[in-house]
Structures are given as structure tokens and as C-alpha cells.
């Protein structure tokens, strides 16, 4: 496996982790808290923000090899991860437009990756 492929997978993994943290934040937002401090200082929110912070370093590490022009293309995979996780964990329904949009993102990532 080429170095570019490995670092691209690292970048996509960061996007996956960021998507997990987004779902954690939404789960936390759906709960009622006795006060604003508890709303922001609970384990789910703290862990989610730590994960977000960590994905910044993962992206920076991956961009050592991944061309800067390819970064946003790989980060777009996060939209797919969030939609799938929302369907699984939050029981949100996917519309035909969302499925079509996810297909376009996947096609775009594949086409762009074939260029490299």
C-alpha cells in the first residue's frame, strides 16, 4: 500500500472519529439538564470535544503526505459517516436526496482518488 493511501486512510479515520463525536454531542443535546453548567460539563460532551480536538492533530499528521487539495475531498466522507450514524444511533430517517448526495460524495472521492 502506498504512503499516500495510508495517510489518506488516516485522514478518513479522523473524519470518522469527528463524526462519532458529533453524534455524541447531539445525544447529549437531547437530554435535559438541571442547569447550564451541567449541560456543558458532562462526560459525553467533554469526551466529544476531546475527540474533536484529537481529530485536528490526526488531520495535521495526515496532511504531511496528503496533498492539501485532496484534504477537503477526504473530509467530505464525514457527511456520510454522520448520516449513517444518525440513522443507526439516533433513528433519523434518510431521505432520497440525502442518499443521492451521499452517492455523489462517494463518486467524487473515488474519481478524485483515481487521479492520484
N, C-alpha and C. Protein backbone atom coordinates (compact mmCIF):
# COMPACT_ATOMS: atom_id res chain seq x y z
N UNK A 1 0.85 -1.17 0.00
CA UNK A 1 0.00 0.00 0.00
C UNK A 1 0.91 1.24 0.00
N UNK A 2 0.55 2.20 -0.81
CA UNK A 2 1.38 3.39 -0.95
C UNK A 2 1.26 4.29 0.28
N UNK A 3 2.24 5.15 0.43
CA UNK A 3 2.25 6.08 1.56
C UNK A 3 1.04 7.02 1.50
N UNK A 4 0.70 7.47 0.29
CA UNK A 4 -0.46 8.35 0.13
C UNK A 4 -1.74 7.64 0.57
N UNK A 5 -1.89 6.38 0.21
CA UNK A 5 -3.09 5.62 0.60
C UNK A 5 -3.18 5.47 2.11
N UNK A 6 -2.06 5.20 2.75
CA UNK A 6 -2.05 5.04 4.21
C UNK A 6 -2.45 6.34 4.89
N UNK A 7 -1.86 7.45 4.47
CA UNK A 7 -2.16 8.73 5.09
C UNK A 7 -3.58 9.19 4.74
N UNK A 8 -4.07 8.80 3.58
CA UNK A 8 -5.46 9.10 3.23
C UNK A 8 -6.42 8.37 4.17
N UNK A 9 -6.10 7.12 4.46
CA UNK A 9 -6.92 6.35 5.41
C UNK A 9 -6.86 6.95 6.81
N UNK A 10 -5.69 7.46 7.18
CA UNK A 10 -5.56 8.14 8.48
C UNK A 10 -6.48 9.35 8.52
N UNK A 11 -6.51 10.10 7.43
CA UNK A 11 -7.35 11.30 7.37
C UNK A 11 -8.84 10.92 7.42
N UNK A 12 -9.22 9.88 6.71
CA UNK A 12 -10.61 9.42 6.74
C UNK A 12 -10.96 8.89 8.14
N UNK A 13 -10.00 8.27 8.81
CA UNK A 13 -10.23 7.81 10.19
C UNK A 13 -10.50 9.00 11.11
N UNK A 14 -9.78 10.09 10.90
CA UNK A 14 -10.03 11.30 11.67
C UNK A 14 -11.43 11.82 11.43
N UNK A 15 -11.87 11.76 10.19
CA UNK A 15 -13.22 12.18 9.86
C UNK A 15 -14.26 11.28 10.52
N UNK A 16 -13.97 10.00 10.59
CA UNK A 16 -14.86 9.04 11.26
C UNK A 16 -14.96 9.36 12.75
N UNK A 17 -13.83 9.63 13.38
CA UNK A 17 -13.82 9.96 14.81
C UNK A 17 -14.59 11.26 15.06
N UNK A 18 -14.38 12.25 14.20
CA UNK A 18 -15.11 13.51 14.34
C UNK A 18 -16.62 13.29 14.21
N UNK A 19 -17.01 12.39 13.34
CA UNK A 19 -18.43 12.08 13.16
C UNK A 19 -19.01 11.43 14.41
N UNK A 20 -18.24 10.55 15.03
CA UNK A 20 -18.68 9.93 16.27
C UNK A 20 -18.88 11.00 17.34
N UNK A 21 -17.96 11.94 17.41
CA UNK A 21 -18.09 12.99 18.43
C UNK A 21 -19.31 13.88 18.16
N UNK A 22 -19.63 14.11 16.89
CA UNK A 22 -20.83 14.89 16.57
C UNK A 22 -22.09 14.19 17.05
N UNK A 23 -22.14 12.88 16.88
CA UNK A 23 -23.30 12.11 17.34
C UNK A 23 -23.38 12.15 18.86
N UNK A 24 -22.22 12.08 19.52
CA UNK A 24 -22.20 12.16 20.98
C UNK A 24 -22.75 13.51 21.46
N UNK A 25 -22.37 14.58 20.77
CA UNK A 25 -22.86 15.91 21.15
C UNK A 25 -24.37 16.02 20.93
N UNK A 26 -24.86 15.44 19.84
CA UNK A 26 -26.31 15.50 19.59
C UNK A 26 -27.07 14.69 20.63
N UNK A 27 -26.53 13.52 21.00
CA UNK A 27 -27.16 12.71 22.04
C UNK A 27 -27.24 13.50 23.35
N UNK A 28 -26.16 14.19 23.66
CA UNK A 28 -26.12 14.99 24.88
C UNK A 28 -27.11 16.15 24.82
N UNK A 29 -27.26 16.74 23.65
CA UNK A 29 -28.18 17.88 23.49
C UNK A 29 -29.64 17.45 23.62
N UNK A 30 -29.92 16.19 23.43
CA UNK A 30 -31.30 15.71 23.52
C UNK A 30 -31.75 15.46 24.96
N UNK A 31 -30.81 15.55 25.90
CA UNK A 31 -31.13 15.32 27.31
C UNK A 31 -31.44 16.64 28.01
N UNK A 32 -32.18 16.55 29.09
CA UNK A 32 -32.47 17.71 29.93
C UNK A 32 -31.48 17.74 31.09
N UNK A 33 -30.98 18.93 31.40
CA UNK A 33 -30.02 19.10 32.48
C UNK A 33 -30.55 20.11 33.49
N UNK A 34 -30.17 19.95 34.76
CA UNK A 34 -30.69 20.86 35.79
C UNK A 34 -30.20 22.30 35.64
N UNK A 35 -29.03 22.50 35.01
CA UNK A 35 -28.51 23.86 34.81
C UNK A 35 -27.56 23.88 33.61
N UNK A 36 -27.17 25.08 33.21
CA UNK A 36 -26.30 25.25 32.03
C UNK A 36 -24.92 24.63 32.25
N UNK A 37 -24.42 24.71 33.47
CA UNK A 37 -23.10 24.16 33.75
C UNK A 37 -23.09 22.65 33.53
N UNK A 38 -24.12 21.98 34.01
CA UNK A 38 -24.23 20.53 33.80
C UNK A 38 -24.40 20.17 32.32
N UNK A 39 -25.03 21.06 31.59
CA UNK A 39 -25.26 20.83 30.16
C UNK A 39 -23.93 20.74 29.40
N UNK A 40 -22.98 21.56 29.80
CA UNK A 40 -21.69 21.60 29.10
C UNK A 40 -20.60 20.80 29.79
N UNK A 41 -20.74 20.55 31.06
CA UNK A 41 -19.72 19.80 31.79
C UNK A 41 -20.25 18.44 32.20
N UNK A 42 -20.55 17.63 31.21
CA UNK A 42 -20.92 16.25 31.48
C UNK A 42 -19.98 15.36 30.67
N UNK A 43 -19.81 14.12 31.07
CA UNK A 43 -18.81 13.26 30.43
C UNK A 43 -18.97 13.12 28.91
N UNK A 44 -20.20 13.03 28.43
CA UNK A 44 -20.42 12.85 27.00
C UNK A 44 -19.90 14.06 26.21
N UNK A 45 -20.19 15.26 26.68
CA UNK A 45 -19.74 16.47 25.99
C UNK A 45 -18.22 16.61 26.09
N UNK A 46 -17.67 16.36 27.25
CA UNK A 46 -16.22 16.51 27.43
C UNK A 46 -15.47 15.53 26.53
N UNK A 47 -15.90 14.28 26.50
CA UNK A 47 -15.25 13.28 25.64
C UNK A 47 -15.40 13.66 24.17
N UNK A 48 -16.58 14.13 23.78
CA UNK A 48 -16.80 14.52 22.38
C UNK A 48 -15.86 15.65 21.97
N UNK A 49 -15.69 16.64 22.82
CA UNK A 49 -14.78 17.74 22.48
C UNK A 49 -13.32 17.30 22.48
N UNK A 50 -12.96 16.38 23.34
CA UNK A 50 -11.60 15.83 23.31
C UNK A 50 -11.37 15.10 21.99
N UNK A 51 -12.36 14.34 21.55
CA UNK A 51 -12.24 13.65 20.26
C UNK A 51 -12.10 14.64 19.11
N UNK A 52 -12.93 15.71 19.13
CA UNK A 52 -12.82 16.75 18.10
C UNK A 52 -11.41 17.34 18.08
N UNK A 53 -10.91 17.65 19.25
CA UNK A 53 -9.57 18.23 19.37
C UNK A 53 -8.52 17.26 18.82
N UNK A 54 -8.68 15.98 19.14
CA UNK A 54 -7.74 14.97 18.65
C UNK A 54 -7.76 14.81 17.15
N UNK A 55 -8.93 14.97 16.55
CA UNK A 55 -9.00 14.82 15.09
C UNK A 55 -8.26 15.94 14.37
N UNK A 56 -8.10 17.08 15.03
CA UNK A 56 -7.31 18.15 14.44
C UNK A 56 -5.87 17.69 14.25
N UNK A 57 -5.33 17.03 15.26
CA UNK A 57 -3.97 16.52 15.16
C UNK A 57 -3.85 15.39 14.15
N UNK A 58 -4.88 14.56 14.08
CA UNK A 58 -4.87 13.48 13.09
C UNK A 58 -4.84 14.07 11.68
N UNK A 59 -5.64 15.09 11.43
CA UNK A 59 -5.66 15.73 10.11
C UNK A 59 -4.32 16.40 9.80
N UNK A 60 -3.76 17.08 10.79
CA UNK A 60 -2.46 17.73 10.57
C UNK A 60 -1.38 16.69 10.25
N UNK A 61 -1.42 15.56 10.95
CA UNK A 61 -0.46 14.49 10.71
C UNK A 61 -0.62 13.93 9.30
N UNK A 62 -1.87 13.69 8.89
CA UNK A 62 -2.13 13.13 7.57
C UNK A 62 -1.73 14.10 6.46
N UNK A 63 -1.87 15.39 6.71
CA UNK A 63 -1.55 16.38 5.68
C UNK A 63 -0.05 16.51 5.44
N UNK A 64 0.75 15.78 6.20
CA UNK A 64 2.18 15.73 5.90
C UNK A 64 2.41 15.08 4.54
N UNK A 65 1.54 14.15 4.18
CA UNK A 65 1.69 13.42 2.92
C UNK A 65 0.54 13.70 1.95
N UNK A 66 -0.67 13.79 2.48
CA UNK A 66 -1.84 14.01 1.63
C UNK A 66 -1.77 15.43 1.06
N UNK A 67 -1.91 15.58 -0.26
CA UNK A 67 -1.90 16.93 -0.84
C UNK A 67 -3.03 17.78 -0.27
N UNK A 68 -2.75 19.04 -0.07
CA UNK A 68 -3.73 19.94 0.53
C UNK A 68 -5.02 19.98 -0.29
N UNK A 69 -4.92 19.84 -1.61
CA UNK A 69 -6.11 19.86 -2.46
C UNK A 69 -6.98 18.62 -2.25
N UNK A 70 -6.41 17.55 -1.73
CA UNK A 70 -7.15 16.32 -1.52
C UNK A 70 -7.81 16.28 -0.14
N UNK A 71 -7.34 17.11 0.79
CA UNK A 71 -7.87 17.12 2.15
C UNK A 71 -9.38 17.31 2.23
N UNK A 72 -9.93 18.37 1.63
CA UNK A 72 -11.38 18.57 1.71
C UNK A 72 -12.18 17.44 1.07
N UNK A 73 -11.61 16.82 0.07
CA UNK A 73 -12.30 15.70 -0.58
C UNK A 73 -12.45 14.54 0.41
N UNK A 74 -11.36 14.23 1.11
CA UNK A 74 -11.41 13.13 2.08
C UNK A 74 -12.26 13.50 3.30
N UNK A 75 -12.20 14.75 3.71
CA UNK A 75 -13.00 15.19 4.86
C UNK A 75 -14.50 15.12 4.55
N UNK A 76 -14.88 15.18 3.29
CA UNK A 76 -16.29 15.10 2.91
C UNK A 76 -16.90 13.75 3.31
N UNK A 77 -16.05 12.75 3.54
CA UNK A 77 -16.57 11.45 3.98
C UNK A 77 -17.29 11.58 5.33
N UNK A 78 -16.98 12.62 6.09
CA UNK A 78 -17.65 12.86 7.37
C UNK A 78 -19.15 13.02 7.21
N UNK A 79 -19.60 13.62 6.10
CA UNK A 79 -21.04 13.76 5.86
C UNK A 79 -21.71 12.40 5.78
N UNK A 80 -21.03 11.47 5.17
CA UNK A 80 -21.58 10.11 5.04
C UNK A 80 -21.62 9.43 6.40
N UNK A 81 -20.51 9.54 7.14
CA UNK A 81 -20.46 8.92 8.46
C UNK A 81 -21.55 9.47 9.39
N UNK A 82 -21.72 10.78 9.39
CA UNK A 82 -22.74 11.40 10.26
C UNK A 82 -24.14 10.92 9.88
N UNK A 83 -24.42 10.86 8.60
CA UNK A 83 -25.75 10.41 8.15
C UNK A 83 -26.00 8.96 8.55
N UNK A 84 -25.01 8.11 8.36
CA UNK A 84 -25.18 6.70 8.71
C UNK A 84 -25.31 6.53 10.22
N UNK A 85 -24.46 7.22 10.99
CA UNK A 85 -24.53 7.13 12.45
C UNK A 85 -25.85 7.70 12.97
N UNK A 86 -26.34 8.76 12.34
CA UNK A 86 -27.63 9.33 12.75
C UNK A 86 -28.75 8.33 12.53
N UNK A 87 -28.66 7.62 11.43
CA UNK A 87 -29.66 6.60 11.13
C UNK A 87 -29.60 5.47 12.16
N UNK A 88 -28.39 5.03 12.49
CA UNK A 88 -28.22 3.90 13.40
C UNK A 88 -28.51 4.27 14.85
N UNK A 89 -27.90 5.35 15.34
CA UNK A 89 -27.95 5.66 16.77
C UNK A 89 -29.06 6.63 17.16
N UNK A 90 -29.46 7.50 16.24
CA UNK A 90 -30.48 8.49 16.57
C UNK A 90 -31.83 8.18 15.93
N UNK A 91 -31.85 7.10 15.15
CA UNK A 91 -33.08 6.66 14.48
C UNK A 91 -33.66 7.72 13.55
N UNK A 92 -32.77 8.52 12.94
CA UNK A 92 -33.22 9.53 11.97
C UNK A 92 -33.38 8.87 10.61
N UNK A 93 -34.40 9.26 9.89
CA UNK A 93 -34.66 8.68 8.57
C UNK A 93 -33.82 9.41 7.53
N UNK A 94 -33.39 8.66 6.52
CA UNK A 94 -32.65 9.25 5.41
C UNK A 94 -33.60 9.46 4.24
N UNK A 95 -33.53 10.65 3.66
CA UNK A 95 -34.37 10.95 2.51
C UNK A 95 -33.65 10.51 1.23
N UNK A 96 -34.40 10.49 0.15
CA UNK A 96 -33.80 10.15 -1.14
C UNK A 96 -32.73 11.17 -1.54
N UNK A 97 -32.98 12.44 -1.20
CA UNK A 97 -31.99 13.48 -1.51
C UNK A 97 -30.69 13.25 -0.75
N UNK A 98 -30.80 12.84 0.51
CA UNK A 98 -29.60 12.55 1.30
C UNK A 98 -28.84 11.37 0.73
N UNK A 99 -29.56 10.32 0.36
CA UNK A 99 -28.91 9.15 -0.24
C UNK A 99 -28.23 9.52 -1.55
N UNK A 100 -28.91 10.34 -2.36
CA UNK A 100 -28.32 10.79 -3.61
C UNK A 100 -27.07 11.62 -3.35
N UNK A 101 -27.14 12.50 -2.36
CA UNK A 101 -25.99 13.32 -2.00
C UNK A 101 -24.81 12.50 -1.53
N UNK A 102 -25.10 11.47 -0.72
CA UNK A 102 -24.02 10.59 -0.25
C UNK A 102 -23.40 9.82 -1.41
N UNK A 103 -24.21 9.40 -2.35
CA UNK A 103 -23.69 8.70 -3.53
C UNK A 103 -22.77 9.63 -4.33
N UNK A 104 -23.18 10.90 -4.47
CA UNK A 104 -22.34 11.86 -5.18
C UNK A 104 -21.00 12.08 -4.46
N UNK A 105 -21.05 12.14 -3.14
CA UNK A 105 -19.81 12.31 -2.38
C UNK A 105 -18.88 11.12 -2.60
N UNK A 106 -19.43 9.92 -2.53
CA UNK A 106 -18.62 8.72 -2.72
C UNK A 106 -18.03 8.69 -4.13
N UNK A 107 -18.84 9.00 -5.12
CA UNK A 107 -18.35 9.03 -6.50
C UNK A 107 -17.25 10.08 -6.64
N UNK A 108 -17.45 11.24 -6.05
CA UNK A 108 -16.43 12.29 -6.12
C UNK A 108 -15.12 11.88 -5.48
N UNK A 109 -15.20 11.24 -4.32
CA UNK A 109 -13.98 10.77 -3.63
C UNK A 109 -13.26 9.74 -4.49
N UNK A 110 -14.02 8.81 -5.06
CA UNK A 110 -13.41 7.76 -5.89
C UNK A 110 -12.76 8.37 -7.13
N UNK A 111 -13.46 9.24 -7.83
CA UNK A 111 -12.90 9.87 -9.03
C UNK A 111 -11.66 10.69 -8.71
N UNK A 112 -11.73 11.45 -7.65
CA UNK A 112 -10.58 12.28 -7.28
C UNK A 112 -9.40 11.41 -6.87
N UNK A 113 -9.67 10.31 -6.16
CA UNK A 113 -8.60 9.42 -5.72
C UNK A 113 -7.93 8.72 -6.91
N UNK A 114 -8.71 8.43 -7.96
CA UNK A 114 -8.13 7.79 -9.14
C UNK A 114 -7.16 8.71 -9.87
N UNK A 115 -7.35 10.00 -9.66
CA UNK A 115 -6.47 11.00 -10.29
C UNK A 115 -5.06 10.91 -9.72
N UNK A 116 -4.96 10.51 -8.43
CA UNK A 116 -3.65 10.45 -7.79
C UNK A 116 -3.05 9.10 -7.94
